[in-house]
PDB file of N, CA and C in Angstrom:
ATOM      1  N   MET A   1       0.826  -1.202   0.000  1.00  0.00           N
ATOM      2  CA  MET A   1       0.000   0.000   0.000  1.00  0.00           C
ATOM      3  C   MET A   1       0.867   1.261   0.000  1.00  0.00           C
ATOM      4  N   GLU A   2       1.966   1.211   0.736  1.00  0.00           N
ATOM      5  CA  GLU A   2       2.838   2.382   0.837  1.00  0.00           C
ATOM      6  C   GLU A   2       3.440   2.748  -0.519  1.00  0.00           C
ATOM      7  N   LYS A   3       3.858   1.752  -1.301  1.00  0.00           N
ATOM      8  CA  LYS A   3       4.420   2.021  -2.623  1.00  0.00           C
ATOM      9  C   LYS A   3       3.386   2.636  -3.556  1.00  0.00           C
ATOM     10  N   ILE A   4       2.155   2.163  -3.461  1.00  0.00           N
ATOM     11  CA  ILE A   4       1.085   2.711  -4.293  1.00  0.00           C
ATOM     12  C   ILE A   4       0.886   4.189  -3.982  1.00  0.00           C
ATOM     13  N   LEU A   5       0.869   4.538  -2.699  1.00  0.00           N
ATOM     14  CA  LEU A   5       0.703   5.939  -2.313  1.00  0.00           C
ATOM     15  C   LEU A   5       1.843   6.795  -2.843  1.00  0.00           C
ATOM     16  N   LEU A   6       3.067   6.293  -2.754  1.00  0.00           N
ATOM     17  CA  LEU A   6       4.211   7.056  -3.257  1.00  0.00           C
ATOM     18  C   LEU A   6       4.106   7.292  -4.755  1.00  0.00           C
ATOM     19  N   VAL A   7       3.670   6.304  -5.494  1.00  0.00           N
ATOM     20  CA  VAL A   7       3.522   6.453  -6.944  1.00  0.00           C
ATOM     21  C   VAL A   7       2.407   7.448  -7.261  1.00  0.00           C
ATOM     22  N   VAL A   8       1.271   7.308  -6.584  1.00  0.00           N
ATOM     23  CA  VAL A   8       0.132   8.201  -6.845  1.00  0.00           C
ATOM     24  C   VAL A   8       0.490   9.637  -6.501  1.00  0.00           C
ATOM     25  N   ILE A   9       1.042   9.855  -5.329  1.00  0.00           N
ATOM     26  CA  ILE A   9       1.374  11.220  -4.900  1.00  0.00           C
ATOM     27  C   ILE A   9       2.501  11.794  -5.750  1.00  0.00           C
ATOM     28  N   GLY A  10       3.498  10.976  -6.043  1.00  0.00           N
ATOM     29  CA  GLY A  10       4.651  11.448  -6.798  1.00  0.00           C
ATOM     30  C   GLY A  10       4.357  11.806  -8.237  1.00  0.00           C
ATOM     31  N   SER A  11       3.359  11.189  -8.828  1.00  0.00           N
ATOM     32  CA  SER A  11       3.080  11.448 -10.236  1.00  0.00           C
ATOM     33  C   SER A  11       1.801  12.245 -10.473  1.00  0.00           C
ATOM     34  N   ALA A  12       1.140  12.662  -9.405  1.00  0.00           N
ATOM     35  CA  ALA A  12      -0.134  13.378  -9.540  1.00  0.00           C
ATOM     36  C   ALA A  12       0.077  14.755 -10.157  1.00  0.00           C
ATOM     37  N   GLN A  13      -0.811  15.115 -11.047  1.00  0.00           N
ATOM     38  CA  GLN A  13      -0.796  16.427 -11.680  1.00  0.00           C
ATOM     39  C   GLN A  13      -1.870  17.332 -11.086  1.00  0.00           C
ATOM     40  N   CYS A  14      -2.470  16.891  -9.986  1.00  0.00           N
ATOM     41  CA  CYS A  14      -3.546  17.629  -9.337  1.00  0.00           C
ATOM     42  C   CYS A  14      -3.491  17.344  -7.841  1.00  0.00           C
ATOM     43  N   PRO A  15      -4.232  18.088  -7.041  1.00  0.00           N
ATOM     44  CA  PRO A  15      -4.242  17.819  -5.603  1.00  0.00           C
ATOM     45  C   PRO A  15      -4.736  16.397  -5.312  1.00  0.00           C
ATOM     46  N   VAL A  16      -4.151  15.781  -4.310  1.00  0.00           N
ATOM     47  CA  VAL A  16      -4.533  14.434  -3.883  1.00  0.00           C
ATOM     48  C   VAL A  16      -5.005  14.526  -2.439  1.00  0.00           C
ATOM     49  N   VAL A  17      -6.180  13.993  -2.173  1.00  0.00           N
ATOM     50  CA  VAL A  17      -6.713  13.965  -0.811  1.00  0.00           C
ATOM     51  C   VAL A  17      -6.656  12.525  -0.328  1.00  0.00           C
ATOM     52  N   ILE A  18      -5.972  12.314   0.792  1.00  0.00           N
ATOM     53  CA  ILE A  18      -5.909  10.992   1.407  1.00  0.00           C
ATOM     54  C   ILE A  18      -6.710  11.079   2.693  1.00  0.00           C
ATOM     55  N   ALA A  19      -7.774  10.290   2.776  1.00  0.00           N
ATOM     56  CA  ALA A  19      -8.682  10.358   3.922  1.00  0.00           C
ATOM     57  C   ALA A  19      -9.140   8.958   4.299  1.00  0.00           C
ATOM     58  N   PRO A  20      -9.472   8.769   5.579  1.00  0.00           N
ATOM     59  CA  PRO A  20      -9.995   7.461   5.993  1.00  0.00           C
ATOM     60  C   PRO A  20     -11.369   7.216   5.387  1.00  0.00           C
ATOM     61  N   SER A  21     -11.774   5.958   5.343  1.00  0.00           N
ATOM     62  CA  SER A  21     -13.066   5.620   4.757  1.00  0.00           C
ATOM     63  C   SER A  21     -14.240   6.075   5.623  1.00  0.00           C
ATOM     64  N   ALA A  22     -14.024   6.207   6.922  1.00  0.00           N
ATOM     65  CA  ALA A  22     -15.087   6.670   7.829  1.00  0.00           C
ATOM     66  C   ALA A  22     -15.051   8.192   7.930  1.00  0.00           C
ATOM     67  N   ASN A  23     -16.206   8.790   8.146  1.00  0.00           N
ATOM     68  CA  ASN A  23     -16.268  10.240   8.352  1.00  0.00           C
ATOM     69  C   ASN A  23     -15.580  10.607   9.652  1.00  0.00           C
ATOM     70  N   THR A  24     -14.615  11.491   9.570  1.00  0.00           N
ATOM     71  CA  THR A  24     -13.921  11.989  10.755  1.00  0.00           C
ATOM     72  C   THR A  24     -13.698  13.486  10.589  1.00  0.00           C
ATOM     73  N   VAL A  25     -13.402  14.133  11.691  1.00  0.00           N
ATOM     74  CA  VAL A  25     -13.095  15.561  11.669  1.00  0.00           C
ATOM     75  C   VAL A  25     -11.680  15.738  11.128  1.00  0.00           C
ATOM     76  N   VAL A  26     -11.488  16.733  10.283  1.00  0.00           N
ATOM     77  CA  VAL A  26     -10.161  17.025   9.746  1.00  0.00           C
ATOM     78  C   VAL A  26      -9.426  17.879  10.772  1.00  0.00           C
ATOM     79  N   ASP A  27      -8.344  17.315  11.346  1.00  0.00           N
ATOM     80  CA  ASP A  27      -7.562  18.015  12.364  1.00  0.00           C
ATOM     81  C   ASP A  27      -6.397  18.802  11.778  1.00  0.00           C
ATOM     82  N   GLU A  28      -5.895  18.328  10.648  1.00  0.00           N
ATOM     83  CA  GLU A  28      -4.722  18.956  10.051  1.00  0.00           C
ATOM     84  C   GLU A  28      -4.713  18.692   8.554  1.00  0.00           C
ATOM     85  N   ILE A  29      -4.226  19.672   7.809  1.00  0.00           N
ATOM     86  CA  ILE A  29      -4.064  19.537   6.365  1.00  0.00           C
ATOM     87  C   ILE A  29      -2.572  19.638   6.077  1.00  0.00           C
ATOM     88  N   VAL A  30      -2.043  18.671   5.343  1.00  0.00           N
ATOM     89  CA  VAL A  30      -0.623  18.677   4.979  1.00  0.00           C
ATOM     90  C   VAL A  30      -0.533  18.890   3.473  1.00  0.00           C
ATOM     91  N   PHE A  31       0.155  19.957   3.098  1.00  0.00           N
ATOM     92  CA  PHE A  31       0.376  20.268   1.693  1.00  0.00           C
ATOM     93  C   PHE A  31       1.815  19.925   1.339  1.00  0.00           C
ATOM     94  N   CYS A  32       2.024  19.343   0.163  1.00  0.00           N
ATOM     95  CA  CYS A  32       3.368  19.113  -0.365  1.00  0.00           C
ATOM     96  C   CYS A  32       3.658  20.233  -1.362  1.00  0.00           C
ATOM     97  N   TYR A  33       4.793  20.878  -1.192  1.00  0.00           N
ATOM     98  CA  TYR A  33       5.155  22.024  -2.035  1.00  0.00           C
ATOM     99  C   TYR A  33       6.522  21.762  -2.652  1.00  0.00           C
ATOM    100  N   ASP A  34       6.601  21.825  -3.983  1.00  0.00           N
ATOM    101  CA  ASP A  34       7.874  21.568  -4.659  1.00  0.00           C
ATOM    102  C   ASP A  34       8.491  22.836  -5.259  1.00  0.00           C
ATOM    103  N   GLY A  35       7.931  23.987  -4.919  1.00  0.00           N
ATOM    104  CA  GLY A  35       8.472  25.245  -5.408  1.00  0.00           C
ATOM    105  C   GLY A  35       7.913  25.693  -6.746  1.00  0.00           C
ATOM    106  N   SER A  36       7.096  24.875  -7.359  1.00  0.00           N
ATOM    107  CA  SER A  36       6.561  25.222  -8.681  1.00  0.00           C
ATOM    108  C   SER A  36       5.300  26.077  -8.553  1.00  0.00           C
ATOM    109  N   PRO A  37       5.023  26.870  -9.586  1.00  0.00           N
ATOM    110  CA  PRO A  37       3.783  27.648  -9.583  1.00  0.00           C
ATOM    111  C   PRO A  37       2.539  26.755  -9.499  1.00  0.00           C
ATOM    112  N   SER A  38       2.585  25.584 -10.129  1.00  0.00           N
ATOM    113  CA  SER A  38       1.418  24.699 -10.090  1.00  0.00           C
ATOM    114  C   SER A  38       1.177  24.137  -8.695  1.00  0.00           C
ATOM    115  N   SER A  39       2.232  23.954  -7.931  1.00  0.00           N
ATOM    116  CA  SER A  39       2.093  23.490  -6.553  1.00  0.00           C
ATOM    117  C   SER A  39       1.398  24.551  -5.703  1.00  0.00           C
ATOM    118  N   LEU A  40       1.794  25.783  -5.871  1.00  0.00           N
ATOM    119  CA  LEU A  40       1.153  26.887  -5.157  1.00  0.00           C
ATOM    120  C   LEU A  40      -0.301  27.035  -5.598  1.00  0.00           C
ATOM    121  N   PHE A  41      -0.547  26.910  -6.893  1.00  0.00           N
ATOM    122  CA  PHE A  41      -1.899  26.985  -7.427  1.00  0.00           C
ATOM    123  C   PHE A  41      -2.789  25.898  -6.824  1.00  0.00           C
ATOM    124  N   ALA A  42      -2.264  24.688  -6.678  1.00  0.00           N
ATOM    125  CA  ALA A  42      -3.040  23.584  -6.105  1.00  0.00           C
ATOM    126  C   ALA A  42      -3.438  23.887  -4.665  1.00  0.00           C
ATOM    127  N   MET A  43      -2.526  24.469  -3.887  1.00  0.00           N
ATOM    128  CA  MET A  43      -2.858  24.825  -2.502  1.00  0.00           C
ATOM    129  C   MET A  43      -3.948  25.895  -2.466  1.00  0.00           C
ATOM    130  N   LYS A  44      -3.829  26.887  -3.328  1.00  0.00           N
ATOM    131  CA  LYS A  44      -4.841  27.945  -3.382  1.00  0.00           C
ATOM    132  C   LYS A  44      -6.203  27.378  -3.766  1.00  0.00           C
ATOM    133  N   GLN A  45      -6.221  26.517  -4.766  1.00  0.00           N
ATOM    134  CA  GLN A  45      -7.483  25.933  -5.210  1.00  0.00           C
ATOM    135  C   GLN A  45      -8.127  25.100  -4.105  1.00  0.00           C
ATOM    136  N   PHE A  46      -7.321  24.393  -3.351  1.00  0.00           N
ATOM    137  CA  PHE A  46      -7.848  23.598  -2.241  1.00  0.00           C
ATOM    138  C   PHE A  46      -8.574  24.499  -1.247  1.00  0.00           C
ATOM    139  N   THR A  47      -7.955  25.631  -0.916  1.00  0.00           N
ATOM    140  CA  THR A  47      -8.583  26.532   0.056  1.00  0.00           C
ATOM    141  C   THR A  47      -9.837  27.189  -0.513  1.00  0.00           C
ATOM    142  N   TYR A  48      -9.865  27.426  -1.824  1.00  0.00           N
ATOM    143  CA  TYR A  48     -11.065  27.990  -2.439  1.00  0.00           C
ATOM    144  C   TYR A  48     -12.203  26.966  -2.477  1.00  0.00           C
ATOM    145  N   LEU A  49     -11.857  25.703  -2.747  1.00  0.00           N
ATOM    146  CA  LEU A  49     -12.870  24.656  -2.864  1.00  0.00           C
ATOM    147  C   LEU A  49     -13.424  24.198  -1.512  1.00  0.00           C
ATOM    148  N   LEU A  50     -12.609  24.314  -0.462  1.00  0.00           N
ATOM    149  CA  LEU A  50     -13.040  23.875   0.872  1.00  0.00           C
ATOM    150  C   LEU A  50     -12.842  24.991   1.895  1.00  0.00           C
ATOM    151  N   PRO A  51     -13.570  26.092   1.753  1.00  0.00           N
ATOM    152  CA  PRO A  51     -13.372  27.233   2.658  1.00  0.00           C
ATOM    153  C   PRO A  51     -13.713  26.908   4.110  1.00  0.00           C
ATOM    154  N   GLU A  52     -14.509  25.874   4.350  1.00  0.00           N
ATOM    155  CA  GLU A  52     -14.852  25.512   5.722  1.00  0.00           C
ATOM    156  C   GLU A  52     -13.644  24.972   6.495  1.00  0.00           C
ATOM    157  N   LEU A  53     -12.556  24.710   5.799  1.00  0.00           N
ATOM    158  CA  LEU A  53     -11.353  24.199   6.462  1.00  0.00           C
ATOM    159  C   LEU A  53     -10.287  25.275   6.668  1.00  0.00           C
ATOM    160  N   THR A  54     -10.620  26.533   6.438  1.00  0.00           N
ATOM    161  CA  THR A  54      -9.605  27.590   6.536  1.00  0.00           C
ATOM    162  C   THR A  54      -9.072  27.790   7.949  1.00  0.00           C
ATOM    163  N   ASP A  55      -9.808  27.381   8.966  1.00  0.00           N
ATOM    164  CA  ASP A  55      -9.326  27.510  10.341  1.00  0.00           C
ATOM    165  C   ASP A  55      -8.621  26.249  10.837  1.00  0.00           C
ATOM    166  N   THR A  56      -8.471  25.267   9.969  1.00  0.00           N
ATOM    167  CA  THR A  56      -7.816  24.010  10.319  1.00  0.00           C
ATOM    168  C   THR A  56      -6.307  24.179  10.263  1.00  0.00           C
ATOM    169  N   LYS A  57      -5.603  23.498  11.181  1.00  0.00           N
ATOM    170  CA  LYS A  57      -4.146  23.549  11.200  1.00  0.00           C
ATOM    171  C   LYS A  57      -3.601  23.083   9.859  1.00  0.00           C
ATOM    172  N   GLY A  58      -2.640  23.816   9.326  1.00  0.00           N
ATOM    173  CA  GLY A  58      -2.034  23.453   8.051  1.00  0.00           C
ATOM    174  C   GLY A  58      -0.530  23.325   8.166  1.00  0.00           C
ATOM    175  N   THR A  59       0.025  22.362   7.475  1.00  0.00           N
ATOM    176  CA  THR A  59       1.465  22.152   7.439  1.00  0.00           C
ATOM    177  C   THR A  59       1.883  22.059   5.976  1.00  0.00           C
ATOM    178  N   ILE A  60       2.960  22.748   5.632  1.00  0.00           N
ATOM    179  CA  ILE A  60       3.494  22.676   4.276  1.00  0.00           C
ATOM    180  C   ILE A  60       4.813  21.924   4.335  1.00  0.00           C
ATOM    181  N   VAL A  61       4.908  20.861   3.550  1.00  0.00           N
ATOM    182  CA  VAL A  61       6.122  20.054   3.483  1.00  0.00           C
ATOM    183  C   VAL A  61       6.763  20.341   2.134  1.00  0.00           C
ATOM    184  N   GLN A  62       7.993  20.824   2.177  1.00  0.00           N
ATOM    185  CA  GLN A  62       8.682  21.101   0.921  1.00  0.00           C
ATOM    186  C   GLN A  62       9.314  19.802   0.426  1.00  0.00           C
ATOM    187  N   VAL A  63       8.996  19.453  -0.810  1.00  0.00           N
ATOM    188  CA  VAL A  63       9.515  18.223  -1.407  1.00  0.00           C
ATOM    189  C   VAL A  63      10.393  18.573  -2.589  1.00  0.00           C
ATOM    190  N   LYS A  64      11.328  17.679  -2.869  1.00  0.00           N
ATOM    191  CA  LYS A  64      12.262  17.918  -3.955  1.00  0.00           C
ATOM    192  C   LYS A  64      12.466  16.601  -4.688  1.00  0.00           C
ATOM    193  N   LYS A  65      12.381  16.651  -6.006  1.00  0.00           N
ATOM    194  CA  LYS A  65      12.613  15.444  -6.793  1.00  0.00           C
ATOM    195  C   LYS A  65      14.085  15.090  -6.777  1.00  0.00           C
ATOM    196  N   GLU A  66      14.357  13.769  -6.681  1.00  0.00           N
ATOM    197  CA  GLU A  66      15.739  13.305  -6.757  1.00  0.00           C
ATOM    198  C   GLU A  66      16.211  13.345  -8.195  1.00  0.00           C
ATOM    199  N   ARG A  67      17.460  13.610  -8.384  1.00  0.00           N
ATOM    200  CA  ARG A  67      18.025  13.646  -9.741  1.00  0.00           C
ATOM    201  C   ARG A  67      18.749  12.387 -10.042  1.00  0.00           C
TER     202      ARG A  67
END
């Protein structure tokens, strides 16, 4: 399962939401940021699409592709 997540997240061209199958309260939002304009755009779009989560704790993780 872990390898599948790495492939999906690593190759996604759009925001990816990983959530449990049961309804739960969202305690924290983790954004992956690679420095690209599209990464910033994805974070902005997420906040526009889900404004009810604007008071939720957010963490930005800077990621870098290996060469």
